[in-house]
Amino acid sequence: YQLDYPFYEILFALDNWNDQACEVIRKVA
């Protein structure tokens, strides 16, 4: 999220919404 590049998006794919990483992703986003 701190890249110098001007035009980009980030997509994440999880197996399911219960993955613990989901909360971390939302916090950072």
ModelCIF file with pLDDT and N, C-alpha, C, O atoms, coordinates in Angstrom:
data_MODEL
#
_entry.id   MODEL 
#
_entity.id                         1 
_entity.type                       polymer 
_entity.pdbx_number_of_molecules   1 
#
_entity_poly.entity_id                      1 
_entity_poly.type                           'polypeptide(L)' 
_entity_poly.nstd_linkage                   no 
_entity_poly.nstd_monomer                   no 
_entity_poly.pdbx_seq_one_letter_code       YQLDYPFYEILFALDNWNDQACEVIRKVA 
_entity_poly.pdbx_seq_one_letter_code_can   YQLDYPFYEILFALDNWNDQACEVIRKVA 
_entity_poly.pdbx_strand_id                 A 
#
loop_
_entity_poly_seq.entity_id 
_entity_poly_seq.num 
_entity_poly_seq.mon_id 
_entity_poly_seq.hetero 
1 1  TYR n 
1 2  GLN n 
1 3  LEU n 
1 4  ASP n 
1 5  TYR n 
1 6  PRO n 
1 7  PHE n 
1 8  TYR n 
1 9  GLU n 
1 10 ILE n 
1 11 LEU n 
1 12 PHE n 
1 13 ALA n 
1 14 LEU n 
1 15 ASP n 
1 16 ASN n 
1 17 TRP n 
1 18 ASN n 
1 19 ASP n 
1 20 GLN n 
1 21 ALA n 
1 22 CYS n 
1 23 GLU n 
1 24 VAL n 
1 25 ILE n 
1 26 ARG n 
1 27 LYS n 
1 28 VAL n 
1 29 ALA n 
#
_struct_asym.id          A 
_struct_asym.entity_id   1 
#
loop_
_ma_qa_metric.id 
_ma_qa_metric.mode 
_ma_qa_metric.name 
_ma_qa_metric.software_group_id 
_ma_qa_metric.type 
1 global pLDDT . pLDDT 
2 local  pLDDT . pLDDT 
#
_ma_qa_metric_global.metric_id      1 
_ma_qa_metric_global.metric_value   95.90 
_ma_qa_metric_global.model_id       1 
_ma_qa_metric_global.ordinal_id     1 
#
loop_
_ma_qa_metric_local.label_asym_id 
_ma_qa_metric_local.label_comp_id 
_ma_qa_metric_local.label_seq_id 
_ma_qa_metric_local.metric_id 
_ma_qa_metric_local.metric_value 
_ma_qa_metric_local.model_id 
_ma_qa_metric_local.ordinal_id 
A TYR 1  2 98.00 1 1  
A GLN 2  2 97.00 1 2  
A LEU 3  2 97.00 1 3  
A ASP 4  2 92.00 1 4  
A TYR 5  2 94.00 1 5  
A PRO 6  2 90.00 1 6  
A PHE 7  2 92.00 1 7  
A TYR 8  2 96.00 1 8  
A GLU 9  2 98.00 1 9  
A ILE 10 2 98.00 1 10 
A LEU 11 2 98.00 1 11 
A PHE 12 2 98.00 1 12 
A ALA 13 2 97.00 1 13 
A LEU 14 2 96.00 1 14 
A ASP 15 2 93.00 1 15 
A ASN 16 2 94.00 1 16 
A TRP 17 2 96.00 1 17 
A ASN 18 2 95.00 1 18 
A ASP 19 2 95.00 1 19 
A GLN 20 2 95.00 1 20 
A ALA 21 2 96.00 1 21 
A CYS 22 2 97.00 1 22 
A GLU 23 2 97.00 1 23 
A VAL 24 2 97.00 1 24 
A ILE 25 2 97.00 1 25 
A ARG 26 2 97.00 1 26 
A LYS 27 2 97.00 1 27 
A VAL 28 2 97.00 1 28 
A ALA 29 2 97.00 1 29 
#
loop_
_atom_site.group_PDB 
_atom_site.id 
_atom_site.type_symbol 
_atom_site.label_atom_id 
_atom_site.label_alt_id 
_atom_site.label_comp_id 
_atom_site.label_asym_id 
_atom_site.label_entity_id 
_atom_site.label_seq_id 
_atom_site.pdbx_PDB_ins_code 
_atom_site.Cartn_x 
_atom_site.Cartn_y 
_atom_site.Cartn_z 
_atom_site.occupancy 
_atom_site.B_iso_or_equiv 
_atom_site.pdbx_formal_charge 
_atom_site.auth_seq_id 
_atom_site.auth_comp_id 
_atom_site.auth_asym_id 
_atom_site.auth_atom_id 
_atom_site.pdbx_PDB_model_num 
ATOM 1   N N  . TYR A 1 1  ? 0.818   -1.211  0.000   1.00 98.00 ? 1  TYR A N  1 
ATOM 2   C CA . TYR A 1 1  ? 0.000   0.000   0.000   1.00 98.00 ? 1  TYR A CA 1 
ATOM 3   C C  . TYR A 1 1  ? 0.856   1.267   0.000   1.00 98.00 ? 1  TYR A C  1 
ATOM 4   O O  . TYR A 1 1  ? 0.332   2.372   -0.144  1.00 98.00 ? 1  TYR A O  1 
ATOM 5   N N  . GLN A 1 2  ? 2.161   1.110   0.160   1.00 97.00 ? 2  GLN A N  1 
ATOM 6   C CA . GLN A 1 2  ? 3.072   2.251   0.205   1.00 97.00 ? 2  GLN A CA 1 
ATOM 7   C C  . GLN A 1 2  ? 3.938   2.358   -1.048  1.00 97.00 ? 2  GLN A C  1 
ATOM 8   O O  . GLN A 1 2  ? 4.976   3.020   -1.035  1.00 97.00 ? 2  GLN A O  1 
ATOM 9   N N  . LEU A 1 3  ? 3.515   1.714   -2.116  1.00 97.00 ? 3  LEU A N  1 
ATOM 10  C CA . LEU A 1 3  ? 4.255   1.774   -3.377  1.00 97.00 ? 3  LEU A CA 1 
ATOM 11  C C  . LEU A 1 3  ? 4.188   3.175   -3.984  1.00 97.00 ? 3  LEU A C  1 
ATOM 12  O O  . LEU A 1 3  ? 3.187   3.877   -3.839  1.00 97.00 ? 3  LEU A O  1 
ATOM 13  N N  . ASP A 1 4  ? 5.268   3.571   -4.666  1.00 92.00 ? 4  ASP A N  1 
ATOM 14  C CA . ASP A 1 4  ? 5.308   4.869   -5.346  1.00 92.00 ? 4  ASP A CA 1 
ATOM 15  C C  . ASP A 1 4  ? 4.462   4.888   -6.619  1.00 92.00 ? 4  ASP A C  1 
ATOM 16  O O  . ASP A 1 4  ? 4.129   5.952   -7.141  1.00 92.00 ? 4  ASP A O  1 
ATOM 17  N N  . TYR A 1 5  ? 4.125   3.720   -7.098  1.00 94.00 ? 5  TYR A N  1 
ATOM 18  C CA . TYR A 1 5  ? 3.416   3.589   -8.369  1.00 94.00 ? 5  TYR A CA 1 
ATOM 19  C C  . TYR A 1 5  ? 2.019   4.212   -8.264  1.00 94.00 ? 5  TYR A C  1 
ATOM 20  O O  . TYR A 1 5  ? 1.331   3.993   -7.267  1.00 94.00 ? 5  TYR A O  1 
ATOM 21  N N  . PRO A 1 6  ? 1.583   4.986   -9.272  1.00 90.00 ? 6  PRO A N  1 
ATOM 22  C CA . PRO A 1 6  ? 0.333   5.751   -9.124  1.00 90.00 ? 6  PRO A CA 1 
ATOM 23  C C  . PRO A 1 6  ? -0.956  4.988   -9.408  1.00 90.00 ? 6  PRO A C  1 
ATOM 24  O O  . PRO A 1 6  ? -1.983  5.266   -8.789  1.00 90.00 ? 6  PRO A O  1 
ATOM 25  N N  . PHE A 1 7  ? -0.920  4.027   -10.337 1.00 92.00 ? 7  PHE A N  1 
ATOM 26  C CA . PHE A 1 7  ? -2.165  3.398   -10.785 1.00 92.00 ? 7  PHE A CA 1 
ATOM 27  C C  . PHE A 1 7  ? -2.134  1.899   -10.500 1.00 92.00 ? 7  PHE A C  1 
ATOM 28  O O  . PHE A 1 7  ? -1.658  1.112   -11.318 1.00 92.00 ? 7  PHE A O  1 
ATOM 29  N N  . TYR A 1 8  ? -2.636  1.521   -9.351  1.00 96.00 ? 8  TYR A N  1 
ATOM 30  C CA . TYR A 1 8  ? -2.685  0.091   -9.049  1.00 96.00 ? 8  TYR A CA 1 
ATOM 31  C C  . TYR A 1 8  ? -3.821  -0.205  -8.081  1.00 96.00 ? 8  TYR A C  1 
ATOM 32  O O  . TYR A 1 8  ? -4.297  0.662   -7.348  1.00 96.00 ? 8  TYR A O  1 
ATOM 33  N N  . GLU A 1 9  ? -4.229  -1.460  -8.111  1.00 98.00 ? 9  GLU A N  1 
ATOM 34  C CA . GLU A 1 9  ? -5.226  -1.978  -7.176  1.00 98.00 ? 9  GLU A CA 1 
ATOM 35  C C  . GLU A 1 9  ? -4.665  -3.265  -6.575  1.00 98.00 ? 9  GLU A C  1 
ATOM 36  O O  . GLU A 1 9  ? -3.740  -3.865  -7.122  1.00 98.00 ? 9  GLU A O  1 
ATOM 37  N N  . ILE A 1 10 ? -5.236  -3.681  -5.444  1.00 98.00 ? 10 ILE A N  1 
ATOM 38  C CA . ILE A 1 10 ? -4.785  -4.907  -4.786  1.00 98.00 ? 10 ILE A CA 1 
ATOM 39  C C  . ILE A 1 10 ? -5.973  -5.827  -4.593  1.00 98.00 ? 10 ILE A C  1 
ATOM 40  O O  . ILE A 1 10 ? -7.003  -5.429  -4.049  1.00 98.00 ? 10 ILE A O  1 
ATOM 41  N N  . LEU A 1 11 ? -5.818  -7.075  -5.049  1.00 98.00 ? 11 LEU A N  1 
ATOM 42  C CA . LEU A 1 11 ? -6.858  -8.086  -4.881  1.00 98.00 ? 11 LEU A CA 1 
ATOM 43  C C  . LEU A 1 11 ? -6.326  -9.218  -4.011  1.00 98.00 ? 11 LEU A C  1 
ATOM 44  O O  . LEU A 1 11 ? -5.205  -9.687  -4.204  1.00 98.00 ? 11 LEU A O  1 
ATOM 45  N N  . PHE A 1 12 ? -7.132  -9.649  -3.060  1.00 98.00 ? 12 PHE A N  1 
ATOM 46  C CA . PHE A 1 12 ? -6.783  -10.750 -2.172  1.00 98.00 ? 12 PHE A CA 1 
ATOM 47  C C  . PHE A 1 12 ? -7.767  -11.892 -2.384  1.00 98.00 ? 12 PHE A C  1 
ATOM 48  O O  . PHE A 1 12 ? -8.955  -11.665 -2.611  1.00 98.00 ? 12 PHE A O  1 
ATOM 49  N N  . ALA A 1 13 ? -7.258  -13.130 -2.306  1.00 97.00 ? 13 ALA A N  1 
ATOM 50  C CA . ALA A 1 13 ? -8.135  -14.300 -2.406  1.00 97.00 ? 13 ALA A CA 1 
ATOM 51  C C  . ALA A 1 13 ? -7.850  -15.237 -1.241  1.00 97.00 ? 13 ALA A C  1 
ATOM 52  O O  . ALA A 1 13 ? -6.714  -15.664 -1.035  1.00 97.00 ? 13 ALA A O  1 
ATOM 53  N N  . LEU A 1 14 ? -8.900  -15.551 -0.481  1.00 96.00 ? 14 LEU A N  1 
ATOM 54  C CA . LEU A 1 14 ? -8.840  -16.466 0.651   1.00 96.00 ? 14 LEU A CA 1 
ATOM 55  C C  . LEU A 1 14 ? -9.700  -17.686 0.366   1.00 96.00 ? 14 LEU A C  1 
ATOM 56  O O  . LEU A 1 14 ? -10.586 -17.635 -0.487  1.00 96.00 ? 14 LEU A O  1 
ATOM 57  N N  . ASP A 1 15 ? -9.447  -18.778 1.071   1.00 93.00 ? 15 ASP A N  1 
ATOM 58  C CA . ASP A 1 15 ? -10.324 -19.945 0.931   1.00 93.00 ? 15 ASP A CA 1 
ATOM 59  C C  . ASP A 1 15 ? -11.731 -19.618 1.420   1.00 93.00 ? 15 ASP A C  1 
ATOM 60  O O  . ASP A 1 15 ? -12.718 -19.974 0.778   1.00 93.00 ? 15 ASP A O  1 
ATOM 61  N N  . ASN A 1 16 ? -11.814 -18.934 2.567   1.00 94.00 ? 16 ASN A N  1 
ATOM 62  C CA . ASN A 1 16 ? -13.111 -18.596 3.140   1.00 94.00 ? 16 ASN A CA 1 
ATOM 63  C C  . ASN A 1 16 ? -12.973 -17.375 4.037   1.00 94.00 ? 16 ASN A C  1 
ATOM 64  O O  . ASN A 1 16 ? -11.863 -16.932 4.335   1.00 94.00 ? 16 ASN A O  1 
ATOM 65  N N  . TRP A 1 17 ? -14.110 -16.836 4.465   1.00 96.00 ? 17 TRP A N  1 
ATOM 66  C CA . TRP A 1 17 ? -14.096 -15.608 5.265   1.00 96.00 ? 17 TRP A CA 1 
ATOM 67  C C  . TRP A 1 17 ? -13.624 -15.853 6.694   1.00 96.00 ? 17 TRP A C  1 
ATOM 68  O O  . TRP A 1 17 ? -13.377 -14.891 7.420   1.00 96.00 ? 17 TRP A O  1 
ATOM 69  N N  . ASN A 1 18 ? -13.493 -17.094 7.117   1.00 95.00 ? 18 ASN A N  1 
ATOM 70  C CA . ASN A 1 18 ? -13.037 -17.399 8.471   1.00 95.00 ? 18 ASN A CA 1 
ATOM 71  C C  . ASN A 1 18 ? -11.518 -17.388 8.599   1.00 95.00 ? 18 ASN A C  1 
ATOM 72  O O  . ASN A 1 18 ? -10.985 -17.516 9.701   1.00 95.00 ? 18 ASN A O  1 
ATOM 73  N N  . ASP A 1 19 ? -10.828 -17.237 7.487   1.00 95.00 ? 19 ASP A N  1 
ATOM 74  C CA . ASP A 1 19 ? -9.362  -17.183 7.531   1.00 95.00 ? 19 ASP A CA 1 
ATOM 75  C C  . ASP A 1 19 ? -8.923  -15.999 8.398   1.00 95.00 ? 19 ASP A C  1 
ATOM 76  O O  . ASP A 1 19 ? -9.410  -14.882 8.224   1.00 95.00 ? 19 ASP A O  1 
ATOM 77  N N  . GLN A 1 20 ? -7.999  -16.252 9.335   1.00 95.00 ? 20 GLN A N  1 
ATOM 78  C CA . GLN A 1 20 ? -7.530  -15.200 10.232  1.00 95.00 ? 20 GLN A CA 1 
ATOM 79  C C  . GLN A 1 20 ? -6.896  -14.031 9.491   1.00 95.00 ? 20 GLN A C  1 
ATOM 80  O O  . GLN A 1 20 ? -6.872  -12.910 9.999   1.00 95.00 ? 20 GLN A O  1 
ATOM 81  N N  . ALA A 1 21 ? -6.385  -14.289 8.294   1.00 96.00 ? 21 ALA A N  1 
ATOM 82  C CA . ALA A 1 21 ? -5.750  -13.220 7.527   1.00 96.00 ? 21 ALA A CA 1 
ATOM 83  C C  . ALA A 1 21 ? -6.753  -12.168 7.081   1.00 96.00 ? 21 ALA A C  1 
ATOM 84  O O  . ALA A 1 21 ? -6.371  -11.032 6.801   1.00 96.00 ? 21 ALA A O  1 
ATOM 85  N N  . CYS A 1 22 ? -8.028  -12.528 7.011   1.00 97.00 ? 22 CYS A N  1 
ATOM 86  C CA . CYS A 1 22 ? -9.049  -11.600 6.514   1.00 97.00 ? 22 CYS A CA 1 
ATOM 87  C C  . CYS A 1 22 ? -9.110  -10.336 7.371   1.00 97.00 ? 22 CYS A C  1 
ATOM 88  O O  . CYS A 1 22 ? -9.213  -9.230  6.840   1.00 97.00 ? 22 CYS A O  1 
ATOM 89  N N  . GLU A 1 23 ? -9.049  -10.495 8.675   1.00 97.00 ? 23 GLU A N  1 
ATOM 90  C CA . GLU A 1 23 ? -9.102  -9.337  9.578   1.00 97.00 ? 23 GLU A CA 1 
ATOM 91  C C  . GLU A 1 23 ? -7.886  -8.442  9.379   1.00 97.00 ? 23 GLU A C  1 
ATOM 92  O O  . GLU A 1 23 ? -7.997  -7.216  9.411   1.00 97.00 ? 23 GLU A O  1 
ATOM 93  N N  . VAL A 1 24 ? -6.728  -9.057  9.174   1.00 97.00 ? 24 VAL A N  1 
ATOM 94  C CA . VAL A 1 24 ? -5.500  -8.279  8.962   1.00 97.00 ? 24 VAL A CA 1 
ATOM 95  C C  . VAL A 1 24 ? -5.604  -7.486  7.654   1.00 97.00 ? 24 VAL A C  1 
ATOM 96  O O  . VAL A 1 24 ? -5.230  -6.314  7.606   1.00 97.00 ? 24 VAL A O  1 
ATOM 97  N N  . ILE A 1 25 ? -6.104  -8.115  6.614   1.00 97.00 ? 25 ILE A N  1 
ATOM 98  C CA . ILE A 1 25 ? -6.252  -7.434  5.317   1.00 97.00 ? 25 ILE A CA 1 
ATOM 99  C C  . ILE A 1 25 ? -7.156  -6.217  5.454   1.00 97.00 ? 25 ILE A C  1 
ATOM 100 O O  . ILE A 1 25 ? -6.823  -5.132  4.979   1.00 97.00 ? 25 ILE A O  1 
ATOM 101 N N  . ARG A 1 26 ? -8.289  -6.399  6.099   1.00 97.00 ? 26 ARG A N  1 
ATOM 102 C CA . ARG A 1 26 ? -9.237  -5.299  6.252   1.00 97.00 ? 26 ARG A CA 1 
ATOM 103 C C  . ARG A 1 26 ? -8.647  -4.166  7.085   1.00 97.00 ? 26 ARG A C  1 
ATOM 104 O O  . ARG A 1 26 ? -8.883  -2.992  6.802   1.00 97.00 ? 26 ARG A O  1 
ATOM 105 N N  . LYS A 1 27 ? -7.891  -4.517  8.098   1.00 97.00 ? 27 LYS A N  1 
ATOM 106 C CA . LYS A 1 27 ? -7.265  -3.496  8.943   1.00 97.00 ? 27 LYS A CA 1 
ATOM 107 C C  . LYS A 1 27 ? -6.293  -2.652  8.131   1.00 97.00 ? 27 LYS A C  1 
ATOM 108 O O  . LYS A 1 27 ? -6.301  -1.425  8.231   1.00 97.00 ? 27 LYS A O  1 
ATOM 109 N N  . VAL A 1 28 ? -5.454  -3.305  7.325   1.00 97.00 ? 28 VAL A N  1 
ATOM 110 C CA . VAL A 1 28 ? -4.472  -2.571  6.523   1.00 97.00 ? 28 VAL A CA 1 
ATOM 111 C C  . VAL A 1 28 ? -5.166  -1.763  5.431   1.00 97.00 ? 28 VAL A C  1 
ATOM 112 O O  . VAL A 1 28 ? -4.828  -0.600  5.212   1.00 97.00 ? 28 VAL A O  1 
ATOM 113 N N  . ALA A 1 29 ? -6.124  -2.363  4.752   1.00 97.00 ? 29 ALA A N  1 
ATOM 114 C CA . ALA A 1 29 ? -6.820  -1.669  3.663   1.00 97.00 ? 29 ALA A CA 1 
ATOM 115 C C  . ALA A 1 29 ? -7.529  -0.414  4.165   1.00 97.00 ? 29 ALA A C  1 
ATOM 116 O O  . ALA A 1 29 ? -8.165  0.292   3.382   1.00 97.00 ? 29 ALA A O  1 
#
